[in-house]
Amino acid sequence: MPLSRPSPEFRRPGLLVVDVQRFFFDPRSPAFMRGCSGVLERVRALVGDFRSRGLPVLFTCYASALRGPMASRWRKACPRGSPWVQPILRPAPGEPVFYKSRYSAFRGTRALAWLRKRRVRDLVVAGVKTHLCVESTVRDAFDAGFRVIVARDGCAAPDPGMHRGSLRNMAHGFADILPTKDLVSMPEKFHNQRKDA
């Protein structure tokens, strides 16, 4: 899989955490995904790093629609107001949670407008599931004009093959793929545009 290094001109980064919520991370959930505990710690590190630098962080959580293609395909209820919709990581003041009923974080939400208002140009994406919500979000973000960076080990899918295949797809046409440790230790040049700039 080709891996990319961000070029020095990266500016105005933001972090989008996709669907790190009880529906996928709680063992009691009907949609629990095994093997995601390590991902949680890496996402937590990313969130902490962005917060410490005063950079924009936003979250999405999947809330299933009662009708439509998602409801027909998955038949696993996660309605708005359900405890499964709750994010695992508590958002800090000023960090929104956008609830979505599609794969992409940008379908039926105001996530794009929120990022544009903060003049984010380079979007770091982490979360679940790599081959569904993460990849759909990355494709839409690229088409919306962002430079996208995916945290390779800050994402997960139910099957390692799905995860690797999705990363290959994104690396080919849509995103730079980097390990979380490289993103957390990214030099100040990458992080020098604060959210209040």
Protein backbone atom coordinates (compact mmCIF):
# COMPACT_ATOMS: atom_id res chain seq x y z
CA MET A 1 0.00 0.00 0.00
CA PRO A 2 1.50 3.37 -0.92
CA LEU A 3 1.98 5.66 2.03
CA SER A 4 2.18 9.41 1.65
CA ARG A 5 3.93 12.06 3.70
CA PRO A 6 2.22 15.43 4.06
CA SER A 7 4.05 18.14 2.17
CA PRO A 8 5.33 21.22 4.03
CA GLU A 9 2.56 23.44 2.69
CA PHE A 10 -0.13 21.76 4.83
CA ARG A 11 -2.14 24.46 6.59
CA ARG A 12 -5.23 24.82 8.76
CA PRO A 13 -5.71 21.21 9.88
CA GLY A 14 -8.85 19.89 11.52
CA LEU A 15 -9.73 16.49 12.97
CA LEU A 16 -12.90 14.57 12.14
CA VAL A 17 -13.69 11.56 14.36
CA VAL A 18 -16.15 9.28 12.60
CA ASP A 19 -18.65 7.22 14.61
CA VAL A 20 -16.56 6.41 17.68
CA GLN A 21 -19.71 5.67 19.64
CA ARG A 22 -21.24 3.02 21.86
CA PHE A 23 -23.04 1.34 18.94
CA PHE A 24 -19.71 -0.01 17.65
CA PHE A 25 -17.53 0.00 20.79
CA ASP A 26 -19.81 -1.39 23.53
CA PRO A 27 -19.69 -5.23 23.74
CA ARG A 28 -23.42 -5.27 24.58
CA SER A 29 -24.37 -3.54 21.32
CA PRO A 30 -25.85 -5.52 18.42
CA ALA A 31 -23.26 -3.79 16.17
CA PHE A 32 -20.21 -4.26 18.43
CA MET A 33 -16.99 -4.53 16.45
CA ARG A 34 -14.31 -6.72 17.99
CA GLY A 35 -10.74 -5.49 18.03
CA CYS A 36 -11.54 -1.79 18.16
CA SER A 37 -10.13 -1.03 21.64
CA GLY A 38 -6.66 -0.20 20.29
CA VAL A 39 -8.21 2.19 17.78
CA LEU A 40 -9.92 4.04 20.62
CA GLU A 41 -6.64 4.80 22.36
CA ARG A 42 -5.07 6.09 19.16
CA VAL A 43 -8.08 8.28 18.39
CA ARG A 44 -7.93 9.58 21.96
CA ALA A 45 -4.28 10.52 21.39
CA LEU A 46 -5.16 12.37 18.19
CA VAL A 47 -8.00 14.26 19.86
CA GLY A 48 -5.75 15.21 22.77
CA ASP A 49 -3.04 16.44 20.40
CA PHE A 50 -5.41 18.60 18.35
CA ARG A 51 -7.00 20.02 21.49
CA SER A 52 -3.63 20.87 22.99
CA ARG A 53 -2.80 22.87 19.87
CA GLY A 54 -6.15 24.66 19.80
CA LEU A 55 -7.17 23.06 16.51
CA PRO A 56 -10.72 22.21 15.37
CA VAL A 57 -12.14 18.81 16.37
CA LEU A 58 -15.57 17.51 15.39
CA PHE A 59 -17.34 14.20 15.83
CA THR A 60 -20.01 12.25 14.02
CA CYS A 61 -22.29 9.56 15.39
CA TYR A 62 -24.46 7.24 13.34
CA ALA A 63 -28.17 7.37 14.16
CA SER A 64 -30.17 5.02 11.98
CA ALA A 65 -33.14 6.24 10.01
CA LEU A 66 -36.39 4.33 10.52
CA ARG A 67 -36.80 3.86 6.75
CA GLY A 68 -34.63 3.94 3.68
CA PRO A 69 -31.66 2.04 2.28
CA MET A 70 -29.59 1.99 5.47
CA ALA A 71 -32.46 0.63 7.55
CA SER A 72 -33.23 -1.99 4.91
CA ARG A 73 -29.63 -3.10 4.57
CA TRP A 74 -28.53 -3.31 8.20
CA ARG A 75 -31.70 -3.87 10.26
CA LYS A 76 -29.85 -2.84 13.43
CA ALA A 77 -31.59 -0.04 15.22
CA CYS A 78 -29.59 2.89 16.53
CA PRO A 79 -32.23 5.65 16.63
CA ARG A 80 -31.55 9.17 17.78
CA GLY A 81 -31.95 9.24 21.56
CA SER A 82 -30.73 5.68 21.97
CA PRO A 83 -27.79 5.15 24.37
CA TRP A 84 -25.92 3.51 21.46
CA VAL A 85 -25.69 6.89 19.72
CA GLN A 86 -23.54 8.41 22.47
CA PRO A 87 -19.92 9.22 21.56
CA ILE A 88 -17.26 7.33 23.51
CA LEU A 89 -15.03 10.40 23.79
CA ARG A 90 -16.66 13.37 25.46
CA PRO A 91 -16.54 16.44 23.20
CA ALA A 92 -14.94 19.53 24.71
CA PRO A 93 -16.80 22.87 24.64
CA GLY A 94 -17.03 24.07 21.07
CA GLU A 95 -16.58 20.60 19.58
CA PRO A 96 -19.81 19.59 17.81
CA VAL A 97 -21.29 16.14 17.36
CA PHE A 98 -23.09 15.75 14.05
CA TYR A 99 -25.64 12.94 13.92
CA LYS A 100 -25.94 11.26 10.54
CA SER A 101 -28.09 8.53 9.00
CA ARG A 102 -25.82 7.85 6.00
CA TYR A 103 -22.25 6.63 5.66
CA SER A 104 -20.65 9.99 4.92
CA ALA A 105 -20.21 12.62 7.61
CA PHE A 106 -21.28 15.24 5.05
CA ARG A 107 -24.66 13.78 4.04
CA GLY A 108 -27.52 15.47 5.84
CA THR A 109 -25.30 17.30 8.37
CA ARG A 110 -23.72 20.73 8.73
CA ALA A 111 -20.21 19.30 9.13
CA LEU A 112 -18.98 20.83 5.87
CA ALA A 113 -20.27 24.29 6.79
CA TRP A 114 -18.68 23.99 10.26
CA LEU A 115 -15.28 23.13 8.75
CA ARG A 116 -15.52 25.87 6.15
CA LYS A 117 -16.41 28.46 8.78
CA ARG A 118 -13.16 27.56 10.57
CA ARG A 119 -11.23 27.69 7.29
CA VAL A 120 -10.00 24.11 7.64
CA ARG A 121 -8.07 23.06 4.55
CA ASP A 122 -6.41 19.82 5.61
CA LEU A 123 -8.68 17.26 7.23
CA VAL A 124 -7.41 14.39 9.37
CA VAL A 125 -9.95 11.55 9.56
CA ALA A 126 -10.10 8.67 12.07
CA GLY A 127 -12.82 6.32 13.27
CA VAL A 128 -14.99 3.44 12.08
CA LYS A 129 -15.74 1.65 9.89
CA THR A 130 -12.83 2.08 7.51
CA HIS A 131 -14.56 0.63 4.44
CA LEU A 132 -17.94 2.28 5.00
CA CYS A 133 -18.26 5.55 6.91
CA VAL A 134 -14.59 6.51 6.91
CA GLU A 135 -14.05 5.89 3.20
CA SER A 136 -17.35 7.55 2.23
CA THR A 137 -16.43 10.59 4.33
CA VAL A 138 -12.92 10.76 2.85
CA ARG A 139 -14.23 10.63 -0.72
CA ASP A 140 -16.74 13.41 -0.03
CA ALA A 141 -14.11 15.50 1.76
CA PHE A 142 -11.74 15.17 -1.18
CA ASP A 143 -14.50 16.14 -3.62
CA ALA A 144 -15.31 19.14 -1.41
CA GLY A 145 -11.75 20.41 -1.84
CA PHE A 146 -10.00 19.30 1.36
CA ARG A 147 -6.62 17.67 1.46
CA VAL A 148 -7.38 14.51 3.44
CA ILE A 149 -5.12 12.54 5.77
CA VAL A 150 -6.34 9.21 7.17
CA ALA A 151 -4.97 7.83 10.43
CA ARG A 152 -4.06 4.34 9.22
CA ASP A 153 -4.19 2.68 12.65
CA GLY A 154 -6.81 5.09 13.97
CA CYS A 155 -9.47 3.36 11.86
CA ALA A 156 -10.91 -0.14 11.94
CA ALA A 157 -13.18 -2.49 10.04
CA PRO A 158 -14.66 -5.86 11.07
CA ASP A 159 -12.20 -7.67 8.82
CA PRO A 160 -8.49 -6.77 8.34
CA GLY A 161 -8.83 -7.36 4.60
CA MET A 162 -11.63 -4.80 4.37
CA HIS A 163 -9.52 -2.33 6.32
CA ARG A 164 -6.44 -2.80 4.14
CA GLY A 165 -8.44 -2.73 0.91
CA SER A 166 -10.16 0.48 1.88
CA LEU A 167 -6.87 2.13 2.83
CA ARG A 168 -5.49 1.15 -0.58
CA ASN A 169 -8.49 2.70 -2.30
CA MET A 170 -8.15 5.94 -0.37
CA ALA A 171 -4.37 6.10 -0.85
CA HIS A 172 -4.78 5.66 -4.58
CA GLY A 173 -7.06 8.62 -5.19
CA PHE A 174 -8.25 10.50 -2.16
CA ALA A 175 -5.97 10.72 0.87
CA ASP A 176 -2.55 10.52 2.46
CA ILE A 177 -2.38 7.49 4.77
CA LEU A 178 -0.24 7.89 7.89
CA PRO A 179 0.16 6.12 11.24
CA THR A 180 -1.25 7.96 14.22
CA LYS A 181 2.16 8.40 15.82
CA ASP A 182 3.30 10.44 12.82
CA LEU A 183 0.23 12.65 13.00
CA VAL A 184 0.56 13.19 16.75
CA SER A 185 4.22 14.10 16.34
CA MET A 186 3.67 16.23 13.24
CA PRO A 187 5.94 19.29 13.34
CA GLU A 188 4.57 22.67 14.29
CA LYS A 189 4.53 23.72 10.65
CA PHE A 190 1.61 21.31 10.17
CA HIS A 191 -0.18 22.53 13.29
CA ASN A 192 0.55 26.25 13.16
CA GLN A 193 -2.93 27.48 12.20
CA ARG A 194 -5.15 27.66 15.24
CA LYS A 195 -8.93 27.40 15.12
CA ASP A 196 -9.32 30.99 16.32
CA ALA A 197 -7.01 32.35 13.60
